[in-house]
Protein backbone atom coordinates (compact mmCIF):
# COMPACT_ATOMS: atom_id res chain seq x y z
CA UNK A 1 22.53 40.61 -28.76
CA UNK A 2 19.53 39.56 -26.89
CA UNK A 3 19.69 35.75 -26.76
CA UNK A 4 16.89 35.12 -23.83
CA UNK A 5 14.39 37.29 -22.69
CA UNK A 6 11.94 36.89 -20.25
CA UNK A 7 9.01 39.28 -19.17
CA UNK A 8 6.99 38.44 -16.48
CA UNK A 9 7.10 34.57 -16.95
CA UNK A 10 4.92 33.00 -14.39
CA UNK A 11 3.72 29.22 -13.89
CA UNK A 12 1.75 27.37 -11.23
CA UNK A 13 1.51 23.77 -10.56
CA UNK A 14 -1.58 23.56 -8.45
CA UNK A 15 -1.02 25.35 -6.08
CA UNK A 16 2.96 26.11 -6.30
CA UNK A 17 3.84 29.01 -8.54
CA UNK A 18 7.46 27.31 -9.78
CA UNK A 19 7.95 30.97 -11.57
CA UNK A 20 6.36 34.27 -9.98
CA UNK A 21 7.00 37.25 -12.94
CA UNK A 22 10.67 36.28 -13.73
CA UNK A 23 12.55 38.82 -16.07
CA UNK A 24 15.60 37.66 -17.88
CA UNK A 25 17.80 38.83 -20.42
CA UNK A 26 20.87 37.07 -21.46
CA UNK A 27 22.91 38.46 -24.08
CA UNK A 28 25.06 36.53 -26.56
CA UNK A 29 28.49 34.81 -25.43
CA UNK A 30 27.42 35.10 -21.46
CA UNK A 31 27.59 31.92 -19.53
CA UNK A 32 24.91 31.77 -16.87
CA UNK A 33 24.33 30.29 -13.86
CA UNK A 34 20.74 29.87 -12.28
CA UNK A 35 21.16 28.96 -8.85
CA UNK A 36 18.55 28.14 -5.68
CA UNK A 37 17.46 25.30 -3.69
CA UNK A 38 15.23 23.00 -5.27
CA UNK A 39 11.90 23.97 -5.78
CA UNK A 40 13.46 27.38 -6.59
CA UNK A 41 12.45 27.59 -10.25
CA UNK A 42 15.67 26.67 -11.95
CA UNK A 43 14.68 23.91 -14.07
CA UNK A 44 11.04 25.08 -15.03
CA UNK A 45 12.86 28.47 -15.90
CA UNK A 46 14.87 26.44 -18.17
CA UNK A 47 12.28 24.12 -19.85
CA UNK A 48 10.40 27.39 -20.98
CA UNK A 49 13.41 28.29 -23.03
CA UNK A 50 12.95 25.37 -25.04
CA UNK A 51 9.30 25.22 -25.52
CA UNK A 52 9.27 22.24 -23.51
CA UNK A 53 6.75 24.09 -20.92
CA UNK A 54 4.00 27.00 -21.43
CA UNK A 55 3.72 29.82 -19.43
CA UNK A 56 0.70 30.39 -17.74
CA UNK A 57 1.36 34.39 -18.46
CA UNK A 58 4.27 36.53 -19.40
CA UNK A 59 6.65 36.55 -22.48
CA UNK A 60 9.51 34.05 -23.48
CA UNK A 61 11.86 34.71 -26.69
CA UNK A 62 14.59 32.76 -27.54
CA UNK A 63 17.03 33.73 -30.43
CA UNK A 64 14.57 36.51 -31.73
CA UNK A 65 11.67 33.69 -31.68
CA UNK A 66 8.42 34.47 -29.40
CA UNK A 67 8.62 30.37 -28.04
CA UNK A 68 4.79 30.82 -26.35
CA UNK A 69 3.41 30.91 -29.60
CA UNK A 70 5.70 29.18 -31.72
CA UNK A 71 4.52 25.55 -32.42
CA UNK A 72 5.25 22.53 -35.07
CA UNK A 73 8.11 23.85 -37.88
CA UNK A 74 9.27 27.01 -35.87
CA UNK A 75 9.76 25.36 -32.85
CA UNK A 76 11.28 22.33 -34.27
CA UNK A 77 13.67 24.90 -36.31
CA UNK A 78 13.68 26.62 -33.16
CA UNK A 79 15.47 24.38 -31.19
CA UNK A 80 17.75 23.29 -33.66
CA UNK A 81 19.69 26.68 -32.89
CA UNK A 82 19.48 24.99 -29.26
CA UNK A 83 21.29 22.01 -27.68
CA UNK A 84 20.85 20.68 -24.58
CA UNK A 85 22.95 19.16 -22.19
CA UNK A 86 20.95 16.61 -19.52
CA UNK A 87 21.50 15.35 -16.06
CA UNK A 88 21.21 11.60 -16.69
CA UNK A 89 22.74 12.54 -20.32
CA UNK A 90 20.13 10.84 -21.97
CA UNK A 91 22.46 8.44 -24.06
CA UNK A 92 21.42 5.01 -25.52
CA UNK A 93 23.49 2.93 -23.85
CA UNK A 94 23.64 0.11 -26.64
CA UNK A 95 24.92 2.38 -29.30
CA UNK A 96 27.93 3.09 -29.92
CA UNK A 97 29.47 6.81 -28.57
CA UNK A 98 30.04 7.57 -32.25
CA UNK A 99 26.26 6.79 -32.83
CA UNK A 100 25.16 8.66 -29.78
CA UNK A 101 26.95 12.14 -31.21
CA UNK A 102 25.47 11.90 -34.75
CA UNK A 103 22.27 12.04 -33.48
CA UNK A 104 23.33 15.56 -32.90
CA UNK A 105 23.07 15.97 -36.58
CA UNK A 106 19.80 14.45 -37.17
CA UNK A 107 18.00 18.10 -37.86
CA UNK A 108 20.14 18.88 -40.40
CA UNK A 109 20.67 15.63 -42.58
CA UNK A 110 18.14 13.80 -45.27
CA UNK A 111 15.54 11.60 -42.67
CA UNK A 112 16.02 8.13 -42.85
CA UNK A 113 15.32 5.45 -45.34
CA UNK A 114 14.17 2.43 -44.17
CA UNK A 115 14.95 3.30 -40.70
CA UNK A 116 18.49 3.74 -41.80
CA UNK A 117 20.23 7.14 -41.82
CA UNK A 118 23.20 7.38 -43.82
CA UNK A 119 25.80 9.93 -42.46
CA UNK A 120 27.49 12.06 -44.78
CA UNK A 121 31.39 12.05 -44.47
CA UNK A 122 31.49 15.58 -43.69
CA UNK A 123 29.32 15.00 -40.30
CA UNK A 124 31.00 11.80 -39.21
CA UNK A 125 34.30 13.73 -39.64
CA UNK A 126 32.76 16.69 -37.69
CA UNK A 127 31.33 14.43 -35.31
CA UNK A 128 35.09 12.46 -34.75
CA UNK A 129 36.39 15.97 -34.41
CA UNK A 130 34.21 16.87 -31.34
CA UNK A 131 34.86 13.77 -29.82
CA UNK A 132 38.49 14.41 -29.82
CA UNK A 133 37.85 17.78 -28.12
CA UNK A 134 36.06 16.13 -25.27
CA UNK A 135 38.86 14.14 -25.15
CA UNK A 136 37.00 10.76 -26.10
CA UNK A 137 37.95 10.31 -30.07
CA UNK A 138 39.70 6.54 -28.76
CA UNK A 139 36.62 5.79 -27.59
CA UNK A 140 34.50 6.58 -30.89
CA UNK A 141 33.26 2.83 -31.56
CA UNK A 142 32.80 1.92 -27.34
CA UNK A 143 29.33 1.06 -26.64
CA UNK A 144 28.20 4.41 -24.71
CA UNK A 145 27.06 2.39 -22.02
CA UNK A 146 30.54 1.39 -20.88
CA UNK A 147 31.24 4.46 -19.98
CA UNK A 148 32.01 6.11 -16.92
CA UNK A 149 29.09 8.89 -15.84
CA UNK A 150 31.84 12.07 -16.41
CA UNK A 151 32.70 10.14 -19.77
CA UNK A 152 29.11 10.16 -20.82
CA UNK A 153 28.18 13.59 -20.20
CA UNK A 154 31.29 14.61 -22.33
CA UNK A 155 29.68 12.24 -24.92
CA UNK A 156 26.16 14.19 -24.68
CA UNK A 157 28.11 17.61 -24.85
CA UNK A 158 29.98 16.19 -28.33
CA UNK A 159 26.11 16.02 -29.11
CA UNK A 160 25.17 19.22 -28.59
CA UNK A 161 28.22 20.60 -30.37
CA UNK A 162 27.78 18.59 -33.40
CA UNK A 163 23.96 20.13 -33.60
CA UNK A 164 25.88 23.59 -34.22
CA UNK A 165 23.44 25.48 -31.56
CA UNK A 166 23.70 29.03 -30.75
CA UNK A 167 22.32 28.42 -27.31
CA UNK A 168 23.14 25.99 -24.72
CA UNK A 169 21.06 25.23 -21.92
CA UNK A 170 22.58 22.51 -19.23
CA UNK A 171 20.01 21.35 -16.76
CA UNK A 172 21.97 19.93 -13.61
CA UNK A 173 24.96 19.16 -16.07
CA UNK A 174 27.12 17.93 -13.37
CA UNK A 175 24.39 16.70 -10.38
CA UNK A 176 24.98 13.02 -10.60
CA UNK A 177 28.88 13.22 -10.71
CA UNK A 178 31.50 12.89 -8.02
CA UNK A 179 33.05 16.37 -7.17
CA UNK A 180 36.52 16.07 -9.14
CA UNK A 181 34.58 14.82 -12.47
CA UNK A 182 31.68 17.44 -11.78
CA UNK A 183 34.89 20.24 -12.25
CA UNK A 184 36.23 18.65 -14.95
CA UNK A 185 33.01 18.42 -16.93
CA UNK A 186 31.91 22.18 -16.02
CA UNK A 187 35.84 22.96 -17.42
CA UNK A 188 35.05 21.15 -20.39
CA UNK A 189 31.27 22.62 -21.02
CA UNK A 190 32.30 25.99 -20.49
CA UNK A 191 35.66 26.40 -22.14
CA UNK A 192 33.83 24.69 -25.41
CA UNK A 193 31.38 27.10 -25.24
CA UNK A 194 33.47 30.11 -25.07
CA UNK A 195 35.65 28.76 -27.68
CA UNK A 196 32.87 28.55 -30.25
CA UNK A 197 31.16 31.67 -29.19
CA UNK A 198 27.85 30.07 -27.85
CA UNK A 199 25.71 31.46 -25.09
CA UNK A 200 25.09 29.07 -22.10
CA UNK A 201 22.78 28.77 -19.53
CA UNK A 202 22.16 26.39 -16.94
CA UNK A 203 20.94 25.05 -13.62
CA UNK A 204 23.16 24.44 -10.53
CA UNK A 205 23.17 23.44 -6.94
CA UNK A 206 27.05 24.03 -6.17
CA UNK A 207 27.86 27.27 -5.37
CA UNK A 208 31.92 26.75 -6.03
CA UNK A 209 31.00 25.33 -9.77
CA UNK A 210 29.02 28.44 -10.32
CA UNK A 211 31.58 31.32 -9.02
CA UNK A 212 34.59 29.42 -10.58
CA UNK A 213 33.26 28.87 -13.94
CA UNK A 214 30.46 31.28 -15.33
CA UNK A 215 30.13 34.74 -15.40
CA UNK A 216 27.01 35.66 -14.00
CA UNK A 217 24.60 34.28 -11.33
CA UNK A 218 20.74 34.47 -11.27
CA UNK A 219 19.97 33.38 -7.92
CA UNK A 220 16.10 32.24 -7.77
CA UNK A 221 14.22 31.57 -4.55
CA UNK A 222 10.26 30.80 -4.25
CA UNK A 223 9.81 31.16 -8.16
CA UNK A 224 11.63 34.86 -7.49
CA UNK A 225 15.06 36.50 -8.98
CA UNK A 226 16.67 37.08 -5.67
CA UNK A 227 20.06 38.23 -7.04
CA UNK A 228 21.47 38.83 -10.66
CA UNK A 229 25.15 39.79 -10.81
CA UNK A 230 28.63 38.85 -12.27
CA UNK A 231 30.26 36.37 -10.59
CA UNK A 232 32.84 38.49 -9.61
CA UNK A 233 31.32 40.61 -7.27
CA UNK A 234 29.97 37.54 -5.39
CA UNK A 235 31.21 35.49 -2.89
CA UNK A 236 29.85 32.21 -1.54
CA UNK A 237 28.66 33.59 1.83
CA UNK A 238 26.08 35.71 -0.49
CA UNK A 239 25.07 32.47 -2.28
CA UNK A 240 24.39 30.74 0.32
CA UNK A 241 21.58 33.08 1.48
CA UNK A 242 19.48 31.52 -1.31
CA UNK A 243 19.55 28.32 0.28
CA UNK A 244 18.54 29.78 4.06
CA UNK A 245 15.13 27.56 5.93
CA UNK A 246 13.17 30.80 5.80
CA UNK A 247 12.51 33.10 2.67
CA UNK A 248 15.00 35.90 2.48
CA UNK A 249 16.11 38.98 0.30
CA UNK A 250 19.96 38.68 -0.54
CA UNK A 251 21.62 42.07 0.15
């Protein structure tokens, strides 16, 4: 089943063409890395998949939904099916780890009364299970802001899992972490997605992480797809061609 499909996706910002006619298809269960230098269009492409950016032209379909035309209730319904992991974690530091994770279930519980959400016992139990999966069950009632960067990203992953997504979008999820922690977080993110049968599309700068933990690399440069192959057919030398100072077509 096709989970993501873009055809002729074009997006410009002033005189800069961030996406220059991108065609992309991602099937259920794939783990796909978007690689390329800064300004290549990786994050812009990812933002189109969640309806955060509208294209100038072209089509975007996610989980069978026309994202370009989706508005209001239809767009909110789609976003409940798409988990997002951000580079900067997007946690509320003054809240506990558990409270941050529980926010992933806001789309499937009754709205707050008097500004307070009453979380069903089953949802709290599920949140704790996901914290256990990411190795932070013992930090559930610790303030999120007191955690290390790697731990905060693990909380963000648990929050995304509690959403029960079908697709996970991760925008530079390890860019702010040291190499050892980045490898650990990537291992966790890919492992839980594969265990749950989720499709994942992530943007990365680190060639080695893409080769080790994802099944397919889509290489972007100047808003165009220059490469799209399974990782077992690629090596670091070919991928470094995406980062050369002069525009190239990667052979």
